[in-house]
Amino acid sequence: AFSVHHDEVAKTFKPFMKNDIQLNCISTDAYSLSSAIRYHQTRSITEKVVGQLDIGGKLSIFNVNSNGLLSHSRFFSGGGFLITEKIAQLLKVDFHKAEDIKLAFNFSFEMIEEDFKNEFVKIHHITNEEFDKIIKIIHESLEEIAEEIIKSIYALAPIHRPSVIYISGGGSSFLDTDKFLTNKIGTPVKRY
């Protein structure tokens, strides 16, 4: 944490205020992330050992909080920007176009209605095969994240393993990400 006058912040961000620049990064550290659990542990979160998964752009953070204290933290590769990069490679489009397509997946990627799929394909000018490959990219990316969480959980003594994992971050914004990860990890995954 730091303290600075608002004029200094405005001066620092002035180069980013142009219309042709896009800033896509809000970063947090493991300790700051764990403060959300500490704050809610005496309120809405009743479990004693709680996991946190922040799926960022290129990095994910997995924390375990025991009785309100950060007891385990791990950073690993995986996140929304990596999914976007794979979509851009698949479709041979720029990053921003791929990001728009990824963000349009605001539906359950587990149960896709055929009418919706046909409409999505038409709107985004992609083939059914490309649509299926994008779904596969999303699945594989979330499976990799789940595998990393499983590694972390099994590295902990059983008494220090979380009974629930709360997710956050842009990479967790797909509908049913919580259900998908619950099935893969075997520990309940919830949104804050």
N, C-alpha and C. Protein backbone atom coordinates (compact mmCIF):
# COMPACT_ATOMS: atom_id res chain seq x y z
N ALA A 1 0.84 -1.17 0.00
CA ALA A 1 0.00 0.00 0.00
C ALA A 1 0.89 1.23 0.00
N PHE A 2 0.39 2.29 -0.59
CA PHE A 2 1.15 3.53 -0.64
C PHE A 2 0.20 4.70 -0.61
N SER A 3 0.76 5.88 -0.34
CA SER A 3 -0.04 7.09 -0.29
C SER A 3 0.56 8.09 -1.27
N VAL A 4 -0.28 8.66 -2.11
CA VAL A 4 0.20 9.63 -3.09
C VAL A 4 -0.94 10.60 -3.38
N HIS A 5 -0.58 11.82 -3.69
CA HIS A 5 -1.58 12.84 -4.01
C HIS A 5 -2.23 12.51 -5.34
N HIS A 6 -3.54 12.80 -5.47
CA HIS A 6 -4.27 12.43 -6.67
C HIS A 6 -3.72 13.10 -7.93
N ASP A 7 -3.07 14.27 -7.81
CA ASP A 7 -2.45 14.92 -8.99
C ASP A 7 -1.33 14.06 -9.55
N GLU A 8 -0.58 13.39 -8.68
CA GLU A 8 0.50 12.52 -9.14
C GLU A 8 -0.04 11.30 -9.88
N VAL A 9 -1.16 10.77 -9.40
CA VAL A 9 -1.79 9.63 -10.09
C VAL A 9 -2.26 10.07 -11.47
N ALA A 10 -2.90 11.23 -11.55
CA ALA A 10 -3.38 11.74 -12.83
C ALA A 10 -2.23 11.95 -13.80
N LYS A 11 -1.12 12.51 -13.31
CA LYS A 11 0.06 12.74 -14.16
C LYS A 11 0.66 11.42 -14.65
N THR A 12 0.69 10.41 -13.79
CA THR A 12 1.24 9.11 -14.15
C THR A 12 0.40 8.43 -15.22
N PHE A 13 -0.91 8.55 -15.12
CA PHE A 13 -1.79 7.86 -16.06
C PHE A 13 -2.10 8.67 -17.32
N LYS A 14 -1.62 9.90 -17.42
CA LYS A 14 -1.91 10.74 -18.58
C LYS A 14 -1.58 10.05 -19.91
N PRO A 15 -0.43 9.38 -20.05
CA PRO A 15 -0.14 8.71 -21.33
C PRO A 15 -1.15 7.62 -21.69
N PHE A 16 -1.82 7.06 -20.71
CA PHE A 16 -2.79 5.99 -20.94
C PHE A 16 -4.18 6.51 -21.27
N MET A 17 -4.36 7.81 -21.26
CA MET A 17 -5.68 8.39 -21.48
C MET A 17 -6.01 8.58 -22.97
N LYS A 18 -5.06 8.26 -23.83
CA LYS A 18 -5.31 8.35 -25.27
C LYS A 18 -6.31 7.28 -25.69
N ASN A 19 -7.05 7.55 -26.75
CA ASN A 19 -8.06 6.60 -27.22
C ASN A 19 -7.49 5.34 -27.83
N ASP A 20 -6.23 5.37 -28.27
CA ASP A 20 -5.65 4.21 -28.95
C ASP A 20 -4.89 3.28 -28.02
N ILE A 21 -4.98 3.51 -26.72
CA ILE A 21 -4.27 2.67 -25.75
C ILE A 21 -5.28 1.95 -24.87
N GLN A 22 -5.01 0.68 -24.64
CA GLN A 22 -5.88 -0.11 -23.78
C GLN A 22 -5.04 -0.73 -22.67
N LEU A 23 -5.42 -0.51 -21.43
CA LEU A 23 -4.73 -1.06 -20.28
C LEU A 23 -5.58 -2.19 -19.72
N ASN A 24 -5.06 -3.42 -19.75
CA ASN A 24 -5.83 -4.60 -19.34
C ASN A 24 -5.25 -5.27 -18.11
N CYS A 25 -4.68 -4.55 -17.22
CA CYS A 25 -4.00 -5.23 -16.12
C CYS A 25 -4.35 -4.59 -14.79
N ILE A 26 -4.90 -5.39 -13.94
CA ILE A 26 -5.02 -5.03 -12.54
C ILE A 26 -4.38 -6.20 -11.81
N SER A 27 -3.35 -5.91 -11.10
CA SER A 27 -2.58 -6.98 -10.48
C SER A 27 -2.75 -6.93 -8.97
N THR A 28 -2.68 -8.06 -8.37
CA THR A 28 -2.76 -8.13 -6.91
C THR A 28 -1.69 -9.09 -6.43
N ASP A 29 -1.36 -8.97 -5.19
CA ASP A 29 -0.43 -9.91 -4.60
C ASP A 29 -1.23 -10.88 -3.72
N ALA A 30 -0.59 -11.98 -3.37
CA ALA A 30 -1.27 -13.04 -2.63
C ALA A 30 -1.81 -12.54 -1.28
N TYR A 31 -1.05 -11.71 -0.59
CA TYR A 31 -1.47 -11.25 0.73
C TYR A 31 -2.70 -10.35 0.63
N SER A 32 -2.67 -9.42 -0.34
CA SER A 32 -3.84 -8.54 -0.52
C SER A 32 -5.07 -9.34 -0.90
N LEU A 33 -4.88 -10.32 -1.78
CA LEU A 33 -6.00 -11.18 -2.17
C LEU A 33 -6.58 -11.91 -0.96
N SER A 34 -5.71 -12.38 -0.08
CA SER A 34 -6.18 -13.13 1.09
C SER A 34 -6.97 -12.26 2.06
N SER A 35 -6.82 -10.95 1.97
CA SER A 35 -7.55 -10.07 2.90
C SER A 35 -9.06 -10.17 2.69
N ALA A 36 -9.49 -10.50 1.48
CA ALA A 36 -10.93 -10.67 1.24
C ALA A 36 -11.48 -11.81 2.09
N ILE A 37 -10.73 -12.89 2.20
CA ILE A 37 -11.17 -14.02 3.03
C ILE A 37 -11.14 -13.62 4.50
N ARG A 38 -10.07 -12.97 4.94
CA ARG A 38 -9.98 -12.53 6.34
C ARG A 38 -11.17 -11.66 6.70
N TYR A 39 -11.54 -10.77 5.81
CA TYR A 39 -12.66 -9.87 6.06
C TYR A 39 -13.97 -10.63 6.19
N HIS A 40 -14.20 -11.60 5.31
CA HIS A 40 -15.48 -12.30 5.29
C HIS A 40 -15.52 -13.54 6.19
N GLN A 41 -14.38 -13.96 6.72
CA GLN A 41 -14.34 -15.20 7.49
C GLN A 41 -15.21 -15.14 8.74
N THR A 42 -15.39 -14.00 9.30
CA THR A 42 -16.25 -13.89 10.48
C THR A 42 -17.67 -13.46 10.10
N ARG A 43 -17.91 -13.29 8.81
CA ARG A 43 -19.22 -12.84 8.35
C ARG A 43 -19.90 -13.93 7.52
N SER A 44 -19.68 -13.89 6.21
CA SER A 44 -20.40 -14.81 5.32
C SER A 44 -19.65 -16.11 5.04
N ILE A 45 -18.36 -16.17 5.31
CA ILE A 45 -17.59 -17.40 5.09
C ILE A 45 -17.39 -18.07 6.44
N THR A 46 -17.92 -19.28 6.57
CA THR A 46 -17.88 -19.96 7.87
C THR A 46 -16.82 -21.06 7.93
N GLU A 47 -16.32 -21.49 6.79
CA GLU A 47 -15.32 -22.57 6.78
C GLU A 47 -14.01 -22.06 7.40
N LYS A 48 -13.30 -22.97 8.06
CA LYS A 48 -12.04 -22.60 8.72
C LYS A 48 -10.86 -22.59 7.75
N VAL A 49 -10.85 -23.51 6.78
CA VAL A 49 -9.76 -23.56 5.79
C VAL A 49 -10.38 -23.31 4.42
N VAL A 50 -9.99 -22.18 3.83
CA VAL A 50 -10.63 -21.70 2.61
C VAL A 50 -9.57 -21.48 1.53
N GLY A 51 -9.89 -21.93 0.32
CA GLY A 51 -9.02 -21.68 -0.82
C GLY A 51 -9.51 -20.49 -1.61
N GLN A 52 -8.57 -19.84 -2.28
CA GLN A 52 -8.88 -18.73 -3.17
C GLN A 52 -8.17 -18.98 -4.48
N LEU A 53 -8.87 -18.81 -5.57
CA LEU A 53 -8.26 -18.93 -6.88
C LEU A 53 -8.58 -17.68 -7.66
N ASP A 54 -7.55 -16.90 -7.97
CA ASP A 54 -7.71 -15.72 -8.80
C ASP A 54 -7.13 -16.06 -10.17
N ILE A 55 -8.01 -16.19 -11.17
CA ILE A 55 -7.58 -16.52 -12.52
C ILE A 55 -7.39 -15.21 -13.27
N GLY A 56 -6.14 -14.80 -13.38
CA GLY A 56 -5.82 -13.52 -14.01
C GLY A 56 -5.66 -13.65 -15.51
N GLY A 57 -4.91 -12.72 -16.07
CA GLY A 57 -4.68 -12.72 -17.51
C GLY A 57 -3.72 -13.81 -17.94
N LYS A 58 -2.52 -13.79 -17.36
CA LYS A 58 -1.51 -14.79 -17.70
C LYS A 58 -1.09 -15.62 -16.49
N LEU A 59 -1.39 -15.13 -15.31
CA LEU A 59 -1.04 -15.83 -14.08
C LEU A 59 -2.27 -16.05 -13.22
N SER A 60 -2.25 -17.15 -12.51
CA SER A 60 -3.29 -17.42 -11.53
C SER A 60 -2.63 -17.51 -10.16
N ILE A 61 -3.38 -17.13 -9.15
CA ILE A 61 -2.91 -17.22 -7.77
C ILE A 61 -3.83 -18.17 -7.03
N PHE A 62 -3.23 -19.12 -6.31
CA PHE A 62 -4.01 -20.00 -5.45
C PHE A 62 -3.53 -19.79 -4.02
N ASN A 63 -4.43 -19.37 -3.15
CA ASN A 63 -4.15 -19.16 -1.73
C ASN A 63 -4.95 -20.15 -0.90
N VAL A 64 -4.41 -20.50 0.24
CA VAL A 64 -5.17 -21.21 1.26
C VAL A 64 -5.09 -20.37 2.52
N ASN A 65 -6.25 -20.09 3.10
CA ASN A 65 -6.36 -19.33 4.33
C ASN A 65 -6.87 -20.25 5.43
N SER A 66 -6.09 -20.37 6.50
CA SER A 66 -6.47 -21.20 7.64
C SER A 66 -6.78 -20.29 8.82
N ASN A 67 -8.01 -20.36 9.28
CA ASN A 67 -8.46 -19.54 10.41
C ASN A 67 -8.13 -18.07 10.20
N GLY A 68 -8.34 -17.58 8.97
CA GLY A 68 -8.13 -16.17 8.68
C GLY A 68 -6.71 -15.78 8.33
N LEU A 69 -5.77 -16.72 8.35
CA LEU A 69 -4.37 -16.41 8.05
C LEU A 69 -3.94 -17.09 6.76
N LEU A 70 -3.17 -16.39 5.96
CA LEU A 70 -2.65 -16.95 4.72
C LEU A 70 -1.63 -18.03 5.07
N SER A 71 -1.93 -19.28 4.71
CA SER A 71 -1.04 -20.38 5.08
C SER A 71 -0.35 -21.02 3.87
N HIS A 72 -0.84 -20.74 2.67
CA HIS A 72 -0.23 -21.30 1.46
C HIS A 72 -0.55 -20.37 0.30
N SER A 73 0.42 -20.17 -0.57
CA SER A 73 0.19 -19.36 -1.75
C SER A 73 1.04 -19.88 -2.89
N ARG A 74 0.48 -19.87 -4.08
CA ARG A 74 1.20 -20.37 -5.24
C ARG A 74 0.74 -19.61 -6.48
N PHE A 75 1.70 -19.19 -7.28
CA PHE A 75 1.43 -18.56 -8.57
C PHE A 75 1.74 -19.58 -9.66
N PHE A 76 0.95 -19.61 -10.71
CA PHE A 76 1.24 -20.48 -11.84
C PHE A 76 0.65 -19.89 -13.12
N SER A 77 1.18 -20.33 -14.23
CA SER A 77 0.73 -19.84 -15.53
C SER A 77 -0.68 -20.34 -15.82
N GLY A 78 -1.52 -19.45 -16.32
CA GLY A 78 -2.88 -19.82 -16.70
C GLY A 78 -3.79 -18.63 -16.52
N GLY A 79 -4.62 -18.35 -17.52
CA GLY A 79 -5.55 -17.25 -17.39
C GLY A 79 -6.20 -16.86 -18.69
N GLY A 80 -7.00 -15.82 -18.61
CA GLY A 80 -7.83 -15.38 -19.72
C GLY A 80 -7.06 -14.90 -20.93
N PHE A 81 -5.94 -14.17 -20.74
CA PHE A 81 -5.18 -13.69 -21.88
C PHE A 81 -4.60 -14.86 -22.67
N LEU A 82 -4.20 -15.91 -21.97
CA LEU A 82 -3.65 -17.07 -22.66
C LEU A 82 -4.71 -17.75 -23.52
N ILE A 83 -5.94 -17.76 -23.03
CA ILE A 83 -7.06 -18.30 -23.82
C ILE A 83 -7.26 -17.43 -25.06
N THR A 84 -7.23 -16.12 -24.87
CA THR A 84 -7.41 -15.19 -26.00
C THR A 84 -6.31 -15.39 -27.04
N GLU A 85 -5.07 -15.55 -26.59
CA GLU A 85 -3.96 -15.77 -27.52
C GLU A 85 -4.17 -17.04 -28.35
N LYS A 86 -4.66 -18.08 -27.72
CA LYS A 86 -4.92 -19.33 -28.45
C LYS A 86 -6.05 -19.17 -29.45
N ILE A 87 -7.08 -18.42 -29.08
CA ILE A 87 -8.18 -18.15 -30.01
C ILE A 87 -7.68 -17.33 -31.20
N ALA A 88 -6.83 -16.34 -30.93
CA ALA A 88 -6.27 -15.51 -32.01
C ALA A 88 -5.46 -16.37 -32.98
N GLN A 89 -4.67 -17.29 -32.45
CA GLN A 89 -3.88 -18.18 -33.31
C GLN A 89 -4.79 -19.09 -34.13
N LEU A 90 -5.80 -19.64 -33.51
CA LEU A 90 -6.72 -20.53 -34.20
C LEU A 90 -7.42 -19.82 -35.36
N LEU A 91 -7.94 -18.64 -35.07
CA LEU A 91 -8.74 -17.93 -36.07
C LEU A 91 -7.92 -17.02 -36.98
N LYS A 92 -6.62 -16.87 -36.63
CA LYS A 92 -5.74 -15.98 -37.39
C LYS A 92 -6.29 -14.55 -37.42
N VAL A 93 -6.64 -14.07 -36.22
CA VAL A 93 -7.14 -12.70 -36.05
C VAL A 93 -6.28 -12.01 -35.00
N ASP A 94 -6.43 -10.68 -34.89
CA ASP A 94 -5.64 -9.98 -33.88
C ASP A 94 -6.20 -10.25 -32.48
N PHE A 95 -5.42 -9.87 -31.48
CA PHE A 95 -5.76 -10.14 -30.09
C PHE A 95 -7.11 -9.55 -29.71
N HIS A 96 -7.38 -8.31 -30.15
CA HIS A 96 -8.62 -7.63 -29.75
C HIS A 96 -9.86 -8.32 -30.32
N LYS A 97 -9.77 -8.77 -31.56
CA LYS A 97 -10.89 -9.50 -32.16
C LYS A 97 -11.10 -10.83 -31.41
N ALA A 98 -10.01 -11.52 -31.10
CA ALA A 98 -10.11 -12.78 -30.35
C ALA A 98 -10.69 -12.55 -28.95
N GLU A 99 -10.31 -11.43 -28.32
CA GLU A 99 -10.84 -11.09 -26.99
C GLU A 99 -12.35 -10.85 -27.07
N ASP A 100 -12.78 -10.14 -28.12
CA ASP A 100 -14.22 -9.90 -28.31
C ASP A 100 -14.98 -11.22 -28.45
N ILE A 101 -14.42 -12.14 -29.21
CA ILE A 101 -15.07 -13.45 -29.40
C ILE A 101 -15.11 -14.21 -28.08
N LYS A 102 -13.98 -14.20 -27.35
CA LYS A 102 -13.94 -14.90 -26.05
C LYS A 102 -14.98 -14.32 -25.09
N LEU A 103 -15.05 -13.00 -25.02
CA LEU A 103 -15.99 -12.36 -24.10
C LEU A 103 -17.44 -12.59 -24.49
N ALA A 104 -17.67 -12.90 -25.75
CA ALA A 104 -19.03 -13.20 -26.20
C ALA A 104 -19.50 -14.57 -25.71
N PHE A 105 -18.59 -15.39 -25.21
CA PHE A 105 -18.96 -16.69 -24.65
C PHE A 105 -19.54 -16.48 -23.26
N ASN A 106 -20.65 -15.75 -23.18
CA ASN A 106 -21.31 -15.47 -21.90
C ASN A 106 -22.45 -16.45 -21.66
N PHE A 107 -22.15 -17.71 -21.90
CA PHE A 107 -23.13 -18.78 -21.74
C PHE A 107 -22.40 -19.99 -21.19
N SER A 108 -23.16 -20.96 -20.76
CA SER A 108 -22.56 -22.18 -20.22
C SER A 108 -21.86 -22.93 -21.35
N PHE A 109 -20.56 -23.15 -21.19
CA PHE A 109 -19.83 -23.91 -22.20
C PHE A 109 -19.97 -25.41 -21.97
N GLU A 110 -20.74 -25.77 -20.96
CA GLU A 110 -20.99 -27.19 -20.66
C GLU A 110 -22.18 -27.73 -21.45
N MET A 111 -23.22 -26.93 -21.57
CA MET A 111 -24.44 -27.34 -22.27
C MET A 111 -24.81 -26.25 -23.27
N ILE A 112 -24.47 -26.47 -24.52
CA ILE A 112 -24.67 -25.45 -25.54
C ILE A 112 -25.86 -25.83 -26.42
N GLU A 113 -26.82 -24.93 -26.47
CA GLU A 113 -27.99 -25.16 -27.32
C GLU A 113 -27.60 -24.94 -28.77
N GLU A 114 -28.09 -25.79 -29.65
CA GLU A 114 -27.72 -25.74 -31.07
C GLU A 114 -28.11 -24.40 -31.71
N ASP A 115 -29.27 -23.86 -31.35
CA ASP A 115 -29.70 -22.57 -31.91
C ASP A 115 -28.73 -21.46 -31.53
N PHE A 116 -28.30 -21.50 -30.27
CA PHE A 116 -27.36 -20.48 -29.81
C PHE A 116 -26.03 -20.62 -30.55
N LYS A 117 -25.56 -21.83 -30.68
CA LYS A 117 -24.30 -22.08 -31.39
C LYS A 117 -24.39 -21.55 -32.81
N ASN A 118 -25.47 -21.85 -33.52
CA ASN A 118 -25.64 -21.39 -34.90
C ASN A 118 -25.64 -19.87 -34.98
N GLU A 119 -26.30 -19.22 -34.05
CA GLU A 119 -26.34 -17.76 -34.03
C GLU A 119 -24.95 -17.18 -33.74
N PHE A 120 -24.24 -17.78 -32.80
CA PHE A 120 -22.89 -17.32 -32.42
C PHE A 120 -21.94 -17.43 -33.62
N VAL A 121 -21.99 -18.56 -34.30
CA VAL A 121 -21.14 -18.82 -35.47
C VAL A 121 -21.42 -17.78 -36.55
N LYS A 122 -22.69 -17.48 -36.76
CA LYS A 122 -23.10 -16.53 -37.79
C LYS A 122 -22.62 -15.11 -37.44
N ILE A 123 -22.85 -14.69 -36.22
CA ILE A 123 -22.48 -13.34 -35.78
C ILE A 123 -20.97 -13.12 -35.86
N HIS A 124 -20.19 -14.12 -35.45
CA HIS A 124 -18.73 -13.96 -35.36
C HIS A 124 -17.99 -14.46 -36.59
N HIS A 125 -18.73 -14.91 -37.60
CA HIS A 125 -18.14 -15.34 -38.88
C HIS A 125 -17.08 -16.42 -38.67
N ILE A 126 -17.45 -17.43 -37.91
CA ILE A 126 -16.58 -18.58 -37.71
C ILE A 126 -17.33 -19.85 -38.12
N THR A 127 -16.60 -20.91 -38.28
CA THR A 127 -17.23 -22.18 -38.65
C THR A 127 -17.64 -22.95 -37.41
N ASN A 128 -18.46 -23.96 -37.59
CA ASN A 128 -18.84 -24.84 -36.48
C ASN A 128 -17.60 -25.51 -35.90
N GLU A 129 -16.67 -25.90 -36.78
CA GLU A 129 -15.44 -26.54 -36.33
C GLU A 129 -14.61 -25.58 -35.48
N GLU A 130 -14.52 -24.32 -35.88
CA GLU A 130 -13.78 -23.32 -35.09
C GLU A 130 -14.46 -23.09 -33.75
N PHE A 131 -15.77 -23.05 -33.75
CA PHE A 131 -16.53 -22.90 -32.50
C PHE A 131 -16.17 -24.05 -31.55
N ASP A 132 -16.21 -25.28 -32.06
CA ASP A 132 -15.89 -26.44 -31.23
C ASP A 132 -14.45 -26.38 -30.71
N LYS A 133 -13.53 -25.88 -31.54
CA LYS A 133 -12.13 -25.76 -31.11
C LYS A 133 -11.96 -24.69 -30.03
N ILE A 134 -12.75 -23.62 -30.12
CA ILE A 134 -12.70 -22.60 -29.07
C ILE A 134 -13.19 -23.19 -27.74
N ILE A 135 -14.27 -23.93 -27.79
CA ILE A 135 -14.76 -24.60 -26.57
C ILE A 135 -13.68 -25.52 -26.01
N LYS A 136 -13.00 -26.23 -26.89
CA LYS A 136 -11.91 -27.13 -26.46
C LYS A 136 -10.78 -26.33 -25.81
N ILE A 137 -10.44 -25.17 -26.37
CA ILE A 137 -9.40 -24.30 -25.80
C ILE A 137 -9.79 -23.89 -24.38
N ILE A 138 -11.03 -23.48 -24.20
CA ILE A 138 -11.51 -23.05 -22.88
C ILE A 138 -11.44 -24.23 -21.90
N HIS A 139 -11.95 -25.38 -22.31
CA HIS A 139 -11.91 -26.58 -21.46
C HIS A 139 -10.48 -26.93 -21.06
N GLU A 140 -9.60 -27.02 -22.04
CA GLU A 140 -8.22 -27.42 -21.76
C GLU A 140 -7.52 -26.42 -20.85
N SER A 141 -7.78 -25.14 -21.05
CA SER A 141 -7.16 -24.11 -20.21
C SER A 141 -7.64 -24.23 -18.77
N LEU A 142 -8.93 -24.43 -18.58
CA LEU A 142 -9.46 -24.58 -17.22
C LEU A 142 -9.03 -25.90 -16.60
N GLU A 143 -8.88 -26.95 -17.42
CA GLU A 143 -8.37 -28.22 -16.90
C GLU A 143 -6.93 -28.08 -16.40
N GLU A 144 -6.10 -27.31 -17.13
CA GLU A 144 -4.72 -27.07 -16.69
C GLU A 144 -4.71 -26.34 -15.35
N ILE A 145 -5.58 -25.37 -15.20
CA ILE A 145 -5.68 -24.65 -13.93
C ILE A 145 -6.12 -25.60 -12.82
N ALA A 146 -7.10 -26.44 -13.10
CA ALA A 146 -7.58 -27.41 -12.11
C ALA A 146 -6.45 -28.35 -11.69
N GLU A 147 -5.65 -28.80 -12.65
CA GLU A 147 -4.52 -29.69 -12.33
C GLU A 147 -3.52 -29.02 -11.40
N GLU A 148 -3.27 -27.74 -11.61
CA GLU A 148 -2.34 -27.01 -10.74
C GLU A 148 -2.91 -26.89 -9.32
N ILE A 149 -4.22 -26.67 -9.22
CA ILE A 149 -4.86 -26.57 -7.91
C ILE A 149 -4.77 -27.92 -7.19
N ILE A 150 -5.02 -28.99 -7.92
CA ILE A 150 -4.94 -30.34 -7.33
C ILE A 150 -3.53 -30.59 -6.80
N LYS A 151 -2.51 -30.22 -7.57
CA LYS A 151 -1.12 -30.37 -7.11
C LYS A 151 -0.90 -29.63 -5.80
N SER A 152 -1.41 -28.40 -5.73
CA SER A 152 -1.25 -27.61 -4.51
C SER A 152 -1.97 -28.24 -3.33
N ILE A 153 -3.19 -28.67 -3.57
CA ILE A 153 -3.98 -29.25 -2.47
C ILE A 153 -3.31 -30.51 -1.92
N TYR A 154 -2.84 -31.38 -2.81
CA TYR A 154 -2.23 -32.62 -2.34
C TYR A 154 -0.84 -32.43 -1.75
N ALA A 155 -0.24 -31.26 -1.95
CA ALA A 155 1.03 -30.95 -1.31
C ALA A 155 0.83 -30.52 0.14
N LEU A 156 -0.41 -30.24 0.50
CA LEU A 156 -0.73 -29.79 1.86
C LEU A 156 -1.12 -30.98 2.74
N ALA A 157 -0.85 -30.85 4.02
CA ALA A 157 -1.32 -31.86 4.98
C ALA A 157 -2.85 -31.85 4.95
N PRO A 158 -3.49 -33.00 5.12
CA PRO A 158 -4.95 -33.05 5.03
C PRO A 158 -5.68 -32.00 5.88
N ILE A 159 -5.17 -31.69 7.03
CA ILE A 159 -5.82 -30.72 7.92
C ILE A 159 -5.76 -29.30 7.34
N HIS A 160 -4.83 -29.05 6.42
CA HIS A 160 -4.67 -27.72 5.82
C HIS A 160 -5.27 -27.60 4.42
N ARG A 161 -6.00 -28.62 4.00
CA ARG A 161 -6.63 -28.58 2.68
C ARG A 161 -7.96 -27.83 2.77
N PRO A 162 -8.24 -26.99 1.78
CA PRO A 162 -9.48 -26.19 1.84
C PRO A 162 -10.73 -27.03 1.67
N SER A 163 -11.78 -26.64 2.38
CA SER A 163 -13.07 -27.32 2.22
C SER A 163 -13.92 -26.63 1.16
N VAL A 164 -13.49 -25.44 0.72
CA VAL A 164 -14.16 -24.70 -0.34
C VAL A 164 -13.12 -23.79 -0.99
N ILE A 165 -13.31 -23.49 -2.27
CA ILE A 165 -12.43 -22.58 -2.99
C ILE A 165 -13.29 -21.48 -3.62
N TYR A 166 -12.92 -20.24 -3.37
CA TYR A 166 -13.62 -19.09 -3.95
C TYR A 166 -12.82 -18.58 -5.15
N ILE A 167 -13.51 -18.31 -6.26
CA ILE A 167 -12.82 -17.87 -7.47
C ILE A 167 -13.08 -16.40 -7.77
N SER A 168 -12.10 -15.80 -8.42
CA SER A 168 -12.20 -14.41 -8.86
C SER A 168 -11.30 -14.25 -10.08
N GLY A 169 -11.30 -13.06 -10.63
CA GLY A 169 -10.44 -12.75 -11.77
C GLY A 169 -11.18 -12.88 -13.09
N GLY A 170 -10.68 -12.17 -14.07
CA GLY A 170 -11.31 -12.16 -15.39
C GLY A 170 -11.39 -13.53 -16.04
N GLY A 171 -10.39 -14.37 -15.79
CA GLY A 171 -10.39 -15.72 -16.38
C GLY A 171 -11.45 -16.63 -15.81
N SER A 172 -12.09 -16.20 -14.73
CA SER A 172 -13.15 -17.03 -14.13
C SER A 172 -14.54 -16.58 -14.56
N SER A 173 -14.60 -15.66 -15.51
CA SER A 173 -15.88 -15.05 -15.85
C SER A 173 -16.78 -15.91 -16.76
N PHE A 174 -16.27 -17.00 -17.28
CA PHE A 174 -17.14 -17.88 -18.07
C PHE A 174 -18.23 -18.44 -17.16
N LEU A 175 -19.45 -18.46 -17.67
CA LEU A 175 -20.55 -19.04 -16.92
C LEU A 175 -20.24 -20.51 -16.64
N ASP A 176 -20.49 -20.97 -15.45
CA ASP A 176 -20.28 -22.34 -15.00
C ASP A 176 -18.82 -22.73 -14.78
N THR A 177 -17.91 -21.73 -14.73
CA THR A 177 -16.52 -22.03 -14.39
C THR A 177 -16.45 -22.69 -13.02
N ASP A 178 -17.28 -22.21 -12.10
CA ASP A 178 -17.29 -22.78 -10.75
C ASP A 178 -17.69 -24.25 -10.77
N LYS A 179 -18.72 -24.60 -11.53
CA LYS A 179 -19.17 -25.99 -11.62
C LYS A 179 -18.12 -26.87 -12.30
N PHE A 180 -17.53 -26.34 -13.38
CA PHE A 180 -16.51 -27.08 -14.11
C PHE A 180 -15.33 -27.41 -13.19
N LEU A 181 -14.84 -26.40 -12.46
CA LEU A 181 -13.69 -26.62 -11.56
C LEU A 181 -14.05 -27.52 -10.38
N THR A 182 -15.27 -27.40 -9.87
CA THR A 182 -15.71 -28.30 -8.79
C THR A 182 -15.62 -29.75 -9.25
N ASN A 183 -16.10 -30.03 -10.46
CA ASN A 183 -16.05 -31.40 -10.99
C ASN A 183 -14.62 -31.89 -11.19
N LYS A 184 -13.73 -31.02 -11.63
CA LYS A 184 -12.35 -31.42 -11.90
C LYS A 184 -11.52 -31.56 -10.63
N ILE A 185 -11.72 -30.65 -9.68
CA ILE A 185 -10.89 -30.61 -8.47
C ILE A 185 -11.43 -31.53 -7.39
N GLY A 186 -12.76 -31.64 -7.29
CA GLY A 186 -13.35 -32.46 -6.24
C GLY A 186 -13.60 -31.69 -4.95
N THR A 187 -13.37 -30.41 -4.95
CA THR A 187 -13.64 -29.52 -3.82
C THR A 187 -14.63 -28.48 -4.32
N PRO A 188 -15.64 -28.12 -3.52
CA PRO A 188 -16.60 -27.12 -3.98
C PRO A 188 -15.91 -25.81 -4.35
N VAL A 189 -16.25 -25.29 -5.52
CA VAL A 189 -15.72 -24.01 -6.00
C VAL A 189 -16.91 -23.07 -6.12
N LYS A 190 -16.77 -21.88 -5.53
CA LYS A 190 -17.85 -20.91 -5.51
C LYS A 190 -17.33 -19.55 -5.95
N ARG A 191 -18.26 -18.72 -6.39
CA ARG A 191 -17.92 -17.32 -6.65
C ARG A 191 -18.12 -16.54 -5.35
N TYR A 192 -17.38 -15.46 -5.20
CA TYR A 192 -17.54 -14.61 -4.02
C TYR A 192 -18.94 -14.07 -3.97
